[in-house]
N, C-alpha and C. Protein backbone atom coordinates (compact mmCIF):
# COMPACT_ATOMS: atom_id res chain seq x y z
N UNK A 1 0.84 -1.18 0.00
CA UNK A 1 0.00 0.00 0.00
C UNK A 1 0.88 1.24 0.00
N UNK A 2 0.58 2.18 -0.86
CA UNK A 2 1.34 3.41 -0.89
C UNK A 2 0.94 4.30 0.29
N UNK A 3 1.78 5.27 0.59
CA UNK A 3 1.47 6.18 1.69
C UNK A 3 0.17 6.92 1.44
N UNK A 4 -0.11 7.27 0.20
CA UNK A 4 -1.35 7.97 -0.13
C UNK A 4 -2.55 7.06 0.13
N UNK A 5 -2.46 5.79 -0.28
CA UNK A 5 -3.56 4.86 -0.05
C UNK A 5 -3.78 4.63 1.44
N UNK A 6 -2.70 4.52 2.20
CA UNK A 6 -2.83 4.35 3.65
C UNK A 6 -3.53 5.56 4.25
N UNK A 7 -3.14 6.75 3.83
CA UNK A 7 -3.77 7.96 4.33
C UNK A 7 -5.25 7.98 3.99
N UNK A 8 -5.60 7.71 2.73
CA UNK A 8 -7.00 7.72 2.31
C UNK A 8 -7.81 6.66 3.04
N UNK A 9 -7.24 5.45 3.16
CA UNK A 9 -7.92 4.38 3.88
C UNK A 9 -8.15 4.79 5.32
N UNK A 10 -7.11 5.31 5.96
CA UNK A 10 -7.21 5.70 7.37
C UNK A 10 -8.28 6.76 7.58
N UNK A 11 -8.34 7.72 6.68
CA UNK A 11 -9.35 8.78 6.79
C UNK A 11 -10.76 8.21 6.67
N UNK A 12 -10.98 7.35 5.69
CA UNK A 12 -12.30 6.73 5.52
C UNK A 12 -12.65 5.84 6.71
N UNK A 13 -11.68 5.08 7.19
CA UNK A 13 -11.92 4.19 8.33
C UNK A 13 -12.26 5.00 9.58
N UNK A 14 -11.55 6.08 9.81
CA UNK A 14 -11.83 6.91 10.98
C UNK A 14 -13.25 7.48 10.90
N UNK A 15 -13.66 7.92 9.72
CA UNK A 15 -15.02 8.44 9.55
C UNK A 15 -16.06 7.35 9.85
N UNK A 16 -15.81 6.14 9.37
CA UNK A 16 -16.73 5.03 9.62
C UNK A 16 -16.77 4.69 11.10
N UNK A 17 -15.63 4.70 11.76
CA UNK A 17 -15.59 4.40 13.20
C UNK A 17 -16.35 5.46 14.00
N UNK A 18 -16.26 6.71 13.59
CA UNK A 18 -17.01 7.77 14.27
C UNK A 18 -18.50 7.50 14.15
N UNK A 19 -18.95 7.10 12.96
CA UNK A 19 -20.37 6.79 12.77
C UNK A 19 -20.79 5.60 13.63
N UNK A 20 -19.97 4.56 13.67
CA UNK A 20 -20.28 3.39 14.49
C UNK A 20 -20.29 3.73 15.97
N UNK A 21 -19.39 4.58 16.40
CA UNK A 21 -19.28 4.94 17.81
C UNK A 21 -20.56 5.59 18.33
N UNK A 22 -21.30 6.24 17.44
CA UNK A 22 -22.55 6.88 17.85
C UNK A 22 -23.58 5.87 18.35
N UNK A 23 -23.40 4.61 17.99
CA UNK A 23 -24.34 3.55 18.41
C UNK A 23 -23.92 2.90 19.73
N UNK A 24 -22.78 3.27 20.25
CA UNK A 24 -22.23 2.65 21.46
C UNK A 24 -22.31 3.59 22.65
N UNK A 25 -22.08 3.03 23.82
CA UNK A 25 -22.00 3.85 25.03
C UNK A 25 -20.84 4.84 24.88
N UNK A 26 -20.97 6.02 25.48
CA UNK A 26 -19.93 7.05 25.33
C UNK A 26 -18.52 6.62 25.77
N UNK A 27 -18.44 5.67 26.69
CA UNK A 27 -17.12 5.26 27.17
C UNK A 27 -16.54 4.07 26.38
N UNK A 28 -17.23 3.64 25.33
CA UNK A 28 -16.74 2.52 24.51
C UNK A 28 -15.48 2.92 23.76
N UNK A 29 -14.58 1.98 23.64
CA UNK A 29 -13.35 2.18 22.87
C UNK A 29 -13.43 1.28 21.64
N UNK A 30 -12.91 1.77 20.53
CA UNK A 30 -12.94 1.00 19.29
C UNK A 30 -11.55 0.95 18.68
N UNK A 31 -11.25 -0.17 18.07
CA UNK A 31 -9.97 -0.35 17.40
C UNK A 31 -10.18 -1.11 16.11
N UNK A 32 -9.57 -0.63 15.06
CA UNK A 32 -9.56 -1.33 13.78
C UNK A 32 -8.13 -1.78 13.53
N UNK A 33 -7.96 -3.07 13.29
CA UNK A 33 -6.64 -3.61 13.01
C UNK A 33 -6.65 -4.24 11.62
N UNK A 34 -5.75 -3.81 10.78
CA UNK A 34 -5.56 -4.40 9.47
C UNK A 34 -4.12 -4.88 9.44
N UNK A 35 -3.93 -6.16 9.16
CA UNK A 35 -2.56 -6.66 9.13
C UNK A 35 -2.35 -7.55 7.91
N UNK A 36 -1.11 -7.63 7.52
CA UNK A 36 -0.71 -8.41 6.35
C UNK A 36 0.34 -9.41 6.79
N UNK A 37 0.05 -10.70 6.60
CA UNK A 37 1.02 -11.74 6.98
C UNK A 37 2.36 -11.47 6.32
N UNK A 38 3.40 -11.45 7.14
CA UNK A 38 4.75 -11.27 6.63
C UNK A 38 5.09 -9.86 6.17
N UNK A 39 4.18 -8.91 6.38
CA UNK A 39 4.43 -7.53 5.95
C UNK A 39 4.05 -6.56 7.08
N UNK A 40 4.73 -6.65 8.21
CA UNK A 40 4.34 -5.82 9.36
C UNK A 40 4.42 -4.31 9.08
N UNK A 41 5.23 -3.92 8.13
CA UNK A 41 5.35 -2.49 7.81
C UNK A 41 4.07 -1.95 7.18
N UNK A 42 3.17 -2.84 6.75
CA UNK A 42 1.92 -2.41 6.13
C UNK A 42 0.74 -2.46 7.11
N UNK A 43 0.98 -2.91 8.33
CA UNK A 43 -0.10 -2.98 9.31
C UNK A 43 -0.67 -1.59 9.58
N UNK A 44 -1.98 -1.57 9.84
CA UNK A 44 -2.67 -0.31 10.17
C UNK A 44 -3.47 -0.56 11.44
N UNK A 45 -3.30 0.31 12.42
CA UNK A 45 -4.08 0.24 13.66
C UNK A 45 -4.65 1.62 13.92
N UNK A 46 -5.96 1.68 14.02
CA UNK A 46 -6.65 2.94 14.32
C UNK A 46 -7.44 2.69 15.60
N UNK A 47 -7.21 3.51 16.61
CA UNK A 47 -7.88 3.30 17.89
C UNK A 47 -8.14 4.62 18.60
N UNK A 48 -9.17 4.63 19.41
CA UNK A 48 -9.39 5.77 20.30
C UNK A 48 -9.07 5.35 21.74
N UNK A 49 -8.39 4.22 21.86
CA UNK A 49 -8.02 3.69 23.16
C UNK A 49 -6.51 3.56 23.30
N UNK A 50 -6.12 2.93 24.38
CA UNK A 50 -4.72 2.67 24.69
C UNK A 50 -4.34 1.31 24.11
N UNK A 51 -3.27 1.23 23.34
CA UNK A 51 -2.91 -0.04 22.70
C UNK A 51 -2.67 -1.16 23.71
N UNK A 52 -2.12 -0.84 24.87
CA UNK A 52 -1.93 -1.86 25.90
C UNK A 52 -3.26 -2.45 26.36
N UNK A 53 -4.27 -1.59 26.49
CA UNK A 53 -5.59 -2.06 26.88
C UNK A 53 -6.25 -2.85 25.75
N UNK A 54 -5.97 -2.46 24.51
CA UNK A 54 -6.49 -3.21 23.36
C UNK A 54 -5.92 -4.63 23.37
N UNK A 55 -4.61 -4.74 23.58
CA UNK A 55 -3.97 -6.05 23.63
C UNK A 55 -4.56 -6.89 24.75
N UNK A 56 -4.79 -6.28 25.91
CA UNK A 56 -5.38 -7.00 27.04
C UNK A 56 -6.79 -7.49 26.69
N UNK A 57 -7.57 -6.68 25.98
CA UNK A 57 -8.92 -7.08 25.59
C UNK A 57 -8.87 -8.25 24.61
N UNK A 58 -7.93 -8.21 23.67
CA UNK A 58 -7.79 -9.33 22.72
C UNK A 58 -7.40 -10.60 23.47
N UNK A 59 -6.50 -10.49 24.40
CA UNK A 59 -6.10 -11.66 25.18
C UNK A 59 -7.27 -12.22 25.98
N UNK A 60 -8.10 -11.34 26.57
CA UNK A 60 -9.28 -11.81 27.29
C UNK A 60 -10.21 -12.59 26.37
N UNK A 61 -10.42 -12.07 25.16
CA UNK A 61 -11.32 -12.72 24.21
C UNK A 61 -10.78 -14.06 23.74
N UNK A 62 -9.46 -14.21 23.71
CA UNK A 62 -8.86 -15.48 23.28
C UNK A 62 -9.24 -16.62 24.21
N UNK A 63 -9.57 -16.32 25.45
CA UNK A 63 -9.90 -17.35 26.42
C UNK A 63 -11.39 -17.66 26.47
N UNK A 64 -12.19 -16.91 25.72
CA UNK A 64 -13.64 -17.11 25.71
C UNK A 64 -14.00 -17.95 24.48
N UNK A 65 -14.80 -19.00 24.67
CA UNK A 65 -15.22 -19.81 23.51
C UNK A 65 -15.96 -18.99 22.47
N UNK A 66 -15.96 -19.46 21.25
CA UNK A 66 -16.60 -18.75 20.13
C UNK A 66 -18.07 -18.47 20.39
N UNK A 67 -18.72 -19.35 21.18
CA UNK A 67 -20.15 -19.14 21.45
C UNK A 67 -20.39 -18.12 22.56
N UNK A 68 -19.32 -17.56 23.13
CA UNK A 68 -19.46 -16.55 24.16
C UNK A 68 -19.64 -17.09 25.55
N UNK A 69 -19.64 -18.42 25.69
CA UNK A 69 -19.81 -19.05 27.00
C UNK A 69 -18.57 -18.92 27.85
N UNK A 70 -18.62 -19.54 28.99
CA UNK A 70 -17.48 -19.54 29.90
C UNK A 70 -16.37 -20.45 29.40
N UNK A 71 -15.11 -20.07 29.65
CA UNK A 71 -14.00 -20.95 29.25
C UNK A 71 -14.10 -22.29 29.97
N UNK A 72 -13.66 -23.34 29.31
CA UNK A 72 -13.74 -24.66 29.96
C UNK A 72 -12.50 -24.92 30.79
């Protein structure tokens, strides 16, 4: 992805996230992660939160079954 495409994508994604955020509680945090296997320099992360807290949330979700039930 060229720098211009990344900029344009990021701008559109941020606008979409703002629209989605209007449907959530005011204290909700949102993160969009786009990654490319073997191409970390092309990764895109857009968040209104703290990346450390985002990582912690992802780790919490990894322990929850796909059906949303309690971990076994």
